[in-house]
């Protein structure tokens, strides 16, 4: 049975993309994921999620290869649906196509970034930081929780060799999915703000306060500086 936090997040994220008419992708897609009901725009093709074909045996093999165990909720995430994109507030998940999901993850583990500074020290990449394209977002298996979950961090290539090389995002994958569900349920970007829309700021501050309160030890704690650095501070 799929973890409810995972299901809620993925379902809400897909609903938001559909509402915003963002279910299109450039390039080739597996036939099973093409949605012909969505009009093609130039080379952008309509897509739809499909039931995941990922098996426990395949995930076990990846864990053996990386020598790092997936958080339980993330295993459910990979086994729920195949998708092209989800919400991108802070995290851009690796594309999870039924045709090449495993190759995509292996590339993130061993080729996209210096694995000696990431995978080899216990950081397991699963996406990319989306606000400033800093580098991979990872599960920090060095701080494994009792239930097998892990904190979520990102590796910043601009700060290699400094105390800012690895920075926190969420206290666990469970809290990450819970926070991102709130993002997907919100029809405006409450992380970023410029001074061109002063009337929108109080609404964004209130939403950001709620977001941070969902994960008081992570997003609202050690990672608060990251989430409040894009022009919005939480309402007092």
C-alpha atoms as a PDB file:
ATOM      1  CA  UNK A   1       0.000   0.000   0.000  1.00  0.00           C
ATOM      2  CA  UNK A   2       1.395   3.413  -1.016  1.00  0.00           C
ATOM      3  CA  UNK A   3       2.380   5.756   1.776  1.00  0.00           C
ATOM      4  CA  UNK A   4      -0.477   8.264   2.127  1.00  0.00           C
ATOM      5  CA  UNK A   5       1.893  11.248   2.294  1.00  0.00           C
ATOM      6  CA  UNK A   6       3.450  10.168  -1.002  1.00  0.00           C
ATOM      7  CA  UNK A   7       0.093   9.604  -2.698  1.00  0.00           C
ATOM      8  CA  UNK A   8      -1.276  12.945  -1.501  1.00  0.00           C
ATOM      9  CA  UNK A   9       1.762  14.816  -2.758  1.00  0.00           C
ATOM     10  CA  UNK A  10       1.954  13.191  -6.181  1.00  0.00           C
ATOM     11  CA  UNK A  11      -1.793  13.465  -6.771  1.00  0.00           C
ATOM     12  CA  UNK A  12      -1.885  17.134  -5.732  1.00  0.00           C
ATOM     13  CA  UNK A  13       1.218  17.991  -7.771  1.00  0.00           C
ATOM     14  CA  UNK A  14      -0.249  16.393 -10.882  1.00  0.00           C
ATOM     15  CA  UNK A  15      -3.570  18.155 -10.326  1.00  0.00           C
ATOM     16  CA  UNK A  16      -1.753  21.482 -10.088  1.00  0.00           C
ATOM     17  CA  UNK A  17       0.188  20.853 -13.304  1.00  0.00           C
ATOM     18  CA  UNK A  18      -3.024  19.908 -15.105  1.00  0.00           C
ATOM     19  CA  UNK A  19      -4.806  23.007 -13.805  1.00  0.00           C
ATOM     20  CA  UNK A  20      -1.935  25.184 -15.056  1.00  0.00           C
ATOM     21  CA  UNK A  21      -1.859  23.381 -18.420  1.00  0.00           C
ATOM     22  CA  UNK A  22       1.732  22.259 -17.878  1.00  0.00           C
ATOM     23  CA  UNK A  23       1.374  18.604 -18.841  1.00  0.00           C
ATOM     24  CA  UNK A  24       3.637  18.925 -21.883  1.00  0.00           C
ATOM     25  CA  UNK A  25       7.242  17.927 -22.403  1.00  0.00           C
ATOM     26  CA  UNK A  26       9.770  18.320 -25.248  1.00  0.00           C
ATOM     27  CA  UNK A  27      11.431  15.305 -26.819  1.00  0.00           C
ATOM     28  CA  UNK A  28      10.490  11.644 -26.920  1.00  0.00           C
ATOM     29  CA  UNK A  29       8.172   9.953 -24.457  1.00  0.00           C
ATOM     30  CA  UNK A  30       7.105   6.339 -24.040  1.00  0.00           C
ATOM     31  CA  UNK A  31       3.903   5.691 -25.998  1.00  0.00           C
ATOM     32  CA  UNK A  32       2.090   4.727 -22.786  1.00  0.00           C
ATOM     33  CA  UNK A  33       2.820   8.173 -21.303  1.00  0.00           C
ATOM     34  CA  UNK A  34       1.742  10.256 -24.297  1.00  0.00           C
ATOM     35  CA  UNK A  35      -1.578  12.044 -23.840  1.00  0.00           C
ATOM     36  CA  UNK A  36      -3.075  12.703 -27.252  1.00  0.00           C
ATOM     37  CA  UNK A  37      -5.931  14.677 -25.691  1.00  0.00           C
ATOM     38  CA  UNK A  38      -3.450  17.489 -24.966  1.00  0.00           C
ATOM     39  CA  UNK A  39      -2.665  19.518 -28.117  1.00  0.00           C
ATOM     40  CA  UNK A  40       0.989  19.432 -29.192  1.00  0.00           C
ATOM     41  CA  UNK A  41       2.736  22.814 -29.079  1.00  0.00           C
ATOM     42  CA  UNK A  42       5.778  22.955 -31.396  1.00  0.00           C
ATOM     43  CA  UNK A  43       7.799  19.953 -30.173  1.00  0.00           C
ATOM     44  CA  UNK A  44       6.128  19.882 -26.735  1.00  0.00           C
ATOM     45  CA  UNK A  45       4.084  16.697 -26.356  1.00  0.00           C
ATOM     46  CA  UNK A  46       1.235  16.100 -23.923  1.00  0.00           C
ATOM     47  CA  UNK A  47       1.984  13.539 -21.231  1.00  0.00           C
ATOM     48  CA  UNK A  48       0.140  11.634 -18.543  1.00  0.00           C
ATOM     49  CA  UNK A  49       1.227   9.673 -15.455  1.00  0.00           C
ATOM     50  CA  UNK A  50       0.996   5.896 -15.551  1.00  0.00           C
ATOM     51  CA  UNK A  51       1.122   3.234 -12.880  1.00  0.00           C
ATOM     52  CA  UNK A  52       4.699   2.547 -11.870  1.00  0.00           C
ATOM     53  CA  UNK A  53       6.359  -0.643 -13.063  1.00  0.00           C
ATOM     54  CA  UNK A  54       9.145  -0.352 -10.457  1.00  0.00           C
ATOM     55  CA  UNK A  55       9.617  -3.476  -8.347  1.00  0.00           C
ATOM     56  CA  UNK A  56      11.141  -4.032  -4.925  1.00  0.00           C
ATOM     57  CA  UNK A  57      13.740  -6.274  -6.538  1.00  0.00           C
ATOM     58  CA  UNK A  58      14.865  -3.434  -8.823  1.00  0.00           C
ATOM     59  CA  UNK A  59      15.103  -1.039  -5.904  1.00  0.00           C
ATOM     60  CA  UNK A  60      17.006  -3.613  -3.855  1.00  0.00           C
ATOM     61  CA  UNK A  61      19.497  -3.921  -6.726  1.00  0.00           C
ATOM     62  CA  UNK A  62      20.019  -0.148  -6.815  1.00  0.00           C
ATOM     63  CA  UNK A  63      20.529  -0.082  -3.048  1.00  0.00           C
ATOM     64  CA  UNK A  64      23.132  -2.819  -3.392  1.00  0.00           C
ATOM     65  CA  UNK A  65      24.889  -0.862  -6.125  1.00  0.00           C
ATOM     66  CA  UNK A  66      25.011   2.397  -4.157  1.00  0.00           C
ATOM     67  CA  UNK A  67      25.439   0.686  -0.767  1.00  0.00           C
ATOM     68  CA  UNK A  68      22.783   3.118   0.525  1.00  0.00           C
ATOM     69  CA  UNK A  69      19.177   2.297   1.473  1.00  0.00           C
ATOM     70  CA  UNK A  70      16.262   4.385   0.226  1.00  0.00           C
ATOM     71  CA  UNK A  71      13.968   5.980   2.829  1.00  0.00           C
ATOM     72  CA  UNK A  72      10.767   3.887   2.966  1.00  0.00           C
ATOM     73  CA  UNK A  73       8.556   6.749   1.730  1.00  0.00           C
ATOM     74  CA  UNK A  74      10.810   7.286  -1.281  1.00  0.00           C
ATOM     75  CA  UNK A  75      10.533   3.632  -2.234  1.00  0.00           C
ATOM     76  CA  UNK A  76       6.750   4.099  -2.248  1.00  0.00           C
ATOM     77  CA  UNK A  77       7.201   7.272  -4.309  1.00  0.00           C
ATOM     78  CA  UNK A  78       9.107   5.397  -7.022  1.00  0.00           C
ATOM     79  CA  UNK A  79       6.580   2.550  -6.969  1.00  0.00           C
ATOM     80  CA  UNK A  80       3.454   4.734  -7.198  1.00  0.00           C
ATOM     81  CA  UNK A  81       3.393   6.484 -10.607  1.00  0.00           C
ATOM     82  CA  UNK A  82       5.712   7.262 -13.493  1.00  0.00           C
ATOM     83  CA  UNK A  83       5.776  10.982 -14.330  1.00  0.00           C
ATOM     84  CA  UNK A  84       7.644  13.621 -16.322  1.00  0.00           C
ATOM     85  CA  UNK A  85       7.534  16.526 -13.878  1.00  0.00           C
ATOM     86  CA  UNK A  86       6.116  17.476 -10.498  1.00  0.00           C
ATOM     87  CA  UNK A  87       6.216  20.743  -8.542  1.00  0.00           C
ATOM     88  CA  UNK A  88       9.609  22.475  -8.552  1.00  0.00           C
ATOM     89  CA  UNK A  89       9.658  24.598  -5.401  1.00  0.00           C
ATOM     90  CA  UNK A  90      13.118  23.894  -4.025  1.00  0.00           C
ATOM     91  CA  UNK A  91      13.304  20.416  -5.580  1.00  0.00           C
ATOM     92  CA  UNK A  92      13.222  19.227  -9.167  1.00  0.00           C
ATOM     93  CA  UNK A  93      12.732  15.463  -8.984  1.00  0.00           C
ATOM     94  CA  UNK A  94      14.501  13.255 -11.514  1.00  0.00           C
ATOM     95  CA  UNK A  95      12.208  12.425 -14.434  1.00  0.00           C
ATOM     96  CA  UNK A  96      10.560   9.116 -13.645  1.00  0.00           C
ATOM     97  CA  UNK A  97       9.672   7.654 -17.051  1.00  0.00           C
ATOM     98  CA  UNK A  98       8.718   4.008 -17.355  1.00  0.00           C
ATOM     99  CA  UNK A  99      11.334   3.622 -20.122  1.00  0.00           C
ATOM    100  CA  UNK A 100      14.502   4.850 -18.401  1.00  0.00           C
ATOM    101  CA  UNK A 101      13.883   5.651 -14.724  1.00  0.00           C
ATOM    102  CA  UNK A 102      16.673   3.375 -13.529  1.00  0.00           C
ATOM    103  CA  UNK A 103      19.237   4.789 -15.965  1.00  0.00           C
ATOM    104  CA  UNK A 104      18.216   8.299 -14.940  1.00  0.00           C
ATOM    105  CA  UNK A 105      18.864   7.559 -11.272  1.00  0.00           C
ATOM    106  CA  UNK A 106      22.149   5.767 -11.968  1.00  0.00           C
ATOM    107  CA  UNK A 107      23.323   8.811 -13.928  1.00  0.00           C
ATOM    108  CA  UNK A 108      22.514  11.018 -10.936  1.00  0.00           C
ATOM    109  CA  UNK A 109      24.398   8.666  -8.616  1.00  0.00           C
ATOM    110  CA  UNK A 110      27.542   8.063 -10.639  1.00  0.00           C
ATOM    111  CA  UNK A 111      27.899  10.531 -13.519  1.00  0.00           C
ATOM    112  CA  UNK A 112      26.152  13.881 -13.091  1.00  0.00           C
ATOM    113  CA  UNK A 113      28.042  15.024 -10.012  1.00  0.00           C
ATOM    114  CA  UNK A 114      31.356  14.163  -8.267  1.00  0.00           C
ATOM    115  CA  UNK A 115      30.277  10.976  -6.498  1.00  0.00           C
ATOM    116  CA  UNK A 116      33.333  11.072  -4.249  1.00  0.00           C
ATOM    117  CA  UNK A 117      31.870  14.179  -2.584  1.00  0.00           C
ATOM    118  CA  UNK A 118      28.251  13.016  -2.609  1.00  0.00           C
ATOM    119  CA  UNK A 119      27.395   9.313  -2.940  1.00  0.00           C
ATOM    120  CA  UNK A 120      30.646   8.088  -1.403  1.00  0.00           C
ATOM    121  CA  UNK A 121      30.055  10.038   1.815  1.00  0.00           C
ATOM    122  CA  UNK A 122      26.452   8.867   2.243  1.00  0.00           C
ATOM    123  CA  UNK A 123      24.396  11.391   0.261  1.00  0.00           C
ATOM    124  CA  UNK A 124      21.887   9.768  -2.106  1.00  0.00           C
ATOM    125  CA  UNK A 125      20.795  12.103  -4.961  1.00  0.00           C
ATOM    126  CA  UNK A 126      17.167  12.031  -6.138  1.00  0.00           C
ATOM    127  CA  UNK A 127      16.696  15.427  -7.809  1.00  0.00           C
ATOM    128  CA  UNK A 128      18.167  18.899  -8.193  1.00  0.00           C
ATOM    129  CA  UNK A 129      17.860  22.139  -6.249  1.00  0.00           C
ATOM    130  CA  UNK A 130      15.548  24.301  -8.379  1.00  0.00           C
ATOM    131  CA  UNK A 131      15.777  27.829  -6.990  1.00  0.00           C
ATOM    132  CA  UNK A 132      19.379  28.495  -8.048  1.00  0.00           C
ATOM    133  CA  UNK A 133      20.476  25.251  -9.749  1.00  0.00           C
ATOM    134  CA  UNK A 134      23.001  24.706  -6.982  1.00  0.00           C
ATOM    135  CA  UNK A 135      23.338  20.952  -7.384  1.00  0.00           C
ATOM    136  CA  UNK A 136      21.712  17.659  -6.388  1.00  0.00           C
ATOM    137  CA  UNK A 137      19.112  17.264  -3.659  1.00  0.00           C
ATOM    138  CA  UNK A 138      19.961  14.204  -1.570  1.00  0.00           C
ATOM    139  CA  UNK A 139      18.868  12.003   1.291  1.00  0.00           C
ATOM    140  CA  UNK A 140      21.497  12.321   4.011  1.00  0.00           C
ATOM    141  CA  UNK A 141      21.897   8.695   5.078  1.00  0.00           C
ATOM    142  CA  UNK A 142      24.604   9.687   7.569  1.00  0.00           C
ATOM    143  CA  UNK A 143      21.795  10.850   9.881  1.00  0.00           C
ATOM    144  CA  UNK A 144      19.391   7.949   9.482  1.00  0.00           C
ATOM    145  CA  UNK A 145      16.247   8.196  11.638  1.00  0.00           C
ATOM    146  CA  UNK A 146      14.851   5.268  13.614  1.00  0.00           C
ATOM    147  CA  UNK A 147      12.168   4.520  11.015  1.00  0.00           C
ATOM    148  CA  UNK A 148      14.729   4.436   8.206  1.00  0.00           C
ATOM    149  CA  UNK A 149      13.960   7.929   6.962  1.00  0.00           C
ATOM    150  CA  UNK A 150      16.657  10.555   6.337  1.00  0.00           C
ATOM    151  CA  UNK A 151      17.065  14.323   6.373  1.00  0.00           C
ATOM    152  CA  UNK A 152      16.917  16.035   2.960  1.00  0.00           C
ATOM    153  CA  UNK A 153      19.864  18.256   1.971  1.00  0.00           C
ATOM    154  CA  UNK A 154      21.361  19.742  -1.167  1.00  0.00           C
ATOM    155  CA  UNK A 155      24.968  19.841  -2.333  1.00  0.00           C
ATOM    156  CA  UNK A 156      26.046  23.269  -3.598  1.00  0.00           C
ATOM    157  CA  UNK A 157      28.757  23.114  -6.265  1.00  0.00           C
ATOM    158  CA  UNK A 158      29.543  26.816  -5.722  1.00  0.00           C
ATOM    159  CA  UNK A 159      30.658  26.137  -2.143  1.00  0.00           C
ATOM    160  CA  UNK A 160      32.697  22.945  -2.540  1.00  0.00           C
ATOM    161  CA  UNK A 161      35.159  22.523   0.303  1.00  0.00           C
ATOM    162  CA  UNK A 162      33.383  24.991   2.624  1.00  0.00           C
ATOM    163  CA  UNK A 163      30.864  24.658   5.440  1.00  0.00           C
ATOM    164  CA  UNK A 164      28.139  25.646   2.926  1.00  0.00           C
ATOM    165  CA  UNK A 165      28.803  22.704   0.612  1.00  0.00           C
ATOM    166  CA  UNK A 166      25.988  20.625   2.129  1.00  0.00           C
ATOM    167  CA  UNK A 167      22.903  22.531   3.237  1.00  0.00           C
ATOM    168  CA  UNK A 168      19.620  21.339   4.792  1.00  0.00           C
ATOM    169  CA  UNK A 169      16.142  21.492   3.240  1.00  0.00           C
ATOM    170  CA  UNK A 170      13.856  19.197   5.289  1.00  0.00           C
ATOM    171  CA  UNK A 171      14.181  17.102   8.450  1.00  0.00           C
ATOM    172  CA  UNK A 172      13.006  13.929   6.644  1.00  0.00           C
ATOM    173  CA  UNK A 173      11.511  12.667   3.399  1.00  0.00           C
ATOM    174  CA  UNK A 174       8.132  12.389   5.139  1.00  0.00           C
ATOM    175  CA  UNK A 175       8.212  16.079   6.062  1.00  0.00           C
ATOM    176  CA  UNK A 176       9.404  16.915   2.564  1.00  0.00           C
ATOM    177  CA  UNK A 177       6.371  15.220   1.021  1.00  0.00           C
ATOM    178  CA  UNK A 178       4.071  16.907   3.533  1.00  0.00           C
ATOM    179  CA  UNK A 179       5.540  20.359   2.836  1.00  0.00           C
ATOM    180  CA  UNK A 180       5.472  19.876  -0.928  1.00  0.00           C
ATOM    181  CA  UNK A 181       1.839  18.770  -0.742  1.00  0.00           C
ATOM    182  CA  UNK A 182       1.023  22.176   0.735  1.00  0.00           C
ATOM    183  CA  UNK A 183       2.983  23.814  -2.103  1.00  0.00           C
ATOM    184  CA  UNK A 184       0.980  21.820  -4.663  1.00  0.00           C
ATOM    185  CA  UNK A 185      -2.292  22.819  -3.008  1.00  0.00           C
ATOM    186  CA  UNK A 186      -1.411  26.516  -3.153  1.00  0.00           C
ATOM    187  CA  UNK A 187      -2.183  28.426  -6.358  1.00  0.00           C
ATOM    188  CA  UNK A 188       0.569  31.040  -5.934  1.00  0.00           C
ATOM    189  CA  UNK A 189       4.317  31.044  -5.312  1.00  0.00           C
ATOM    190  CA  UNK A 190       4.768  32.011  -1.656  1.00  0.00           C
ATOM    191  CA  UNK A 191       8.537  31.430  -1.622  1.00  0.00           C
ATOM    192  CA  UNK A 192       9.536  34.150  -4.098  1.00  0.00           C
ATOM    193  CA  UNK A 193       8.591  37.826  -4.008  1.00  0.00           C
ATOM    194  CA  UNK A 194       9.710  41.072  -5.587  1.00  0.00           C
ATOM    195  CA  UNK A 195       8.559  44.573  -4.752  1.00  0.00           C
ATOM    196  CA  UNK A 196       6.372  44.875  -7.854  1.00  0.00           C
ATOM    197  CA  UNK A 197       3.459  43.232  -6.010  1.00  0.00           C
ATOM    198  CA  UNK A 198       3.374  44.713  -2.500  1.00  0.00           C
ATOM    199  CA  UNK A 199      -0.280  43.779  -1.952  1.00  0.00           C
ATOM    200  CA  UNK A 200       0.547  40.062  -2.403  1.00  0.00           C
ATOM    201  CA  UNK A 201       3.202  39.969   0.316  1.00  0.00           C
ATOM    202  CA  UNK A 202       0.970  39.416   3.402  1.00  0.00           C
ATOM    203  CA  UNK A 203      -0.721  36.447   1.712  1.00  0.00           C
ATOM    204  CA  UNK A 204       2.667  34.961   0.847  1.00  0.00           C
ATOM    205  CA  UNK A 205       3.961  35.532   4.380  1.00  0.00           C
ATOM    206  CA  UNK A 206       1.000  33.686   5.861  1.00  0.00           C
ATOM    207  CA  UNK A 207       1.463  30.743   3.498  1.00  0.00           C
ATOM    208  CA  UNK A 208       5.200  30.568   4.146  1.00  0.00           C
ATOM    209  CA  UNK A 209       4.561  30.542   7.899  1.00  0.00           C
ATOM    210  CA  UNK A 210       2.317  27.505   7.449  1.00  0.00           C
ATOM    211  CA  UNK A 211       4.887  25.783   5.231  1.00  0.00           C
ATOM    212  CA  UNK A 212       7.666  26.257   7.798  1.00  0.00           C
ATOM    213  CA  UNK A 213       5.425  25.102  10.657  1.00  0.00           C
ATOM    214  CA  UNK A 214       4.844  21.758   8.932  1.00  0.00           C
ATOM    215  CA  UNK A 215       8.532  20.909   9.448  1.00  0.00           C
ATOM    216  CA  UNK A 216       9.711  22.876  12.491  1.00  0.00           C
ATOM    217  CA  UNK A 217      12.976  20.945  12.804  1.00  0.00           C
ATOM    218  CA  UNK A 218      13.888  21.193   9.117  1.00  0.00           C
ATOM    219  CA  UNK A 219      12.329  23.763   6.777  1.00  0.00           C
ATOM    220  CA  UNK A 220      11.288  25.882   9.756  1.00  0.00           C
ATOM    221  CA  UNK A 221      14.479  25.166  11.725  1.00  0.00           C
ATOM    222  CA  UNK A 222      17.956  24.426  10.345  1.00  0.00           C
ATOM    223  CA  UNK A 223      16.828  25.185   6.764  1.00  0.00           C
ATOM    224  CA  UNK A 224      14.854  28.339   7.529  1.00  0.00           C
ATOM    225  CA  UNK A 225      17.521  30.633   6.070  1.00  0.00           C
ATOM    226  CA  UNK A 226      17.200  28.878   2.721  1.00  0.00           C
ATOM    227  CA  UNK A 227      13.405  29.054   2.545  1.00  0.00           C
ATOM    228  CA  UNK A 228      13.269  32.709   3.628  1.00  0.00           C
ATOM    229  CA  UNK A 229      15.998  33.963   1.273  1.00  0.00           C
ATOM    230  CA  UNK A 230      13.811  34.524  -1.801  1.00  0.00           C
ATOM    231  CA  UNK A 231      12.029  37.703  -0.750  1.00  0.00           C
ATOM    232  CA  UNK A 232       9.419  36.418   1.711  1.00  0.00           C
ATOM    233  CA  UNK A 233       9.760  36.266   5.489  1.00  0.00           C
ATOM    234  CA  UNK A 234       7.126  34.405   7.538  1.00  0.00           C
ATOM    235  CA  UNK A 235       4.341  36.386   9.137  1.00  0.00           C
ATOM    236  CA  UNK A 236       4.888  37.080  12.833  1.00  0.00           C
END
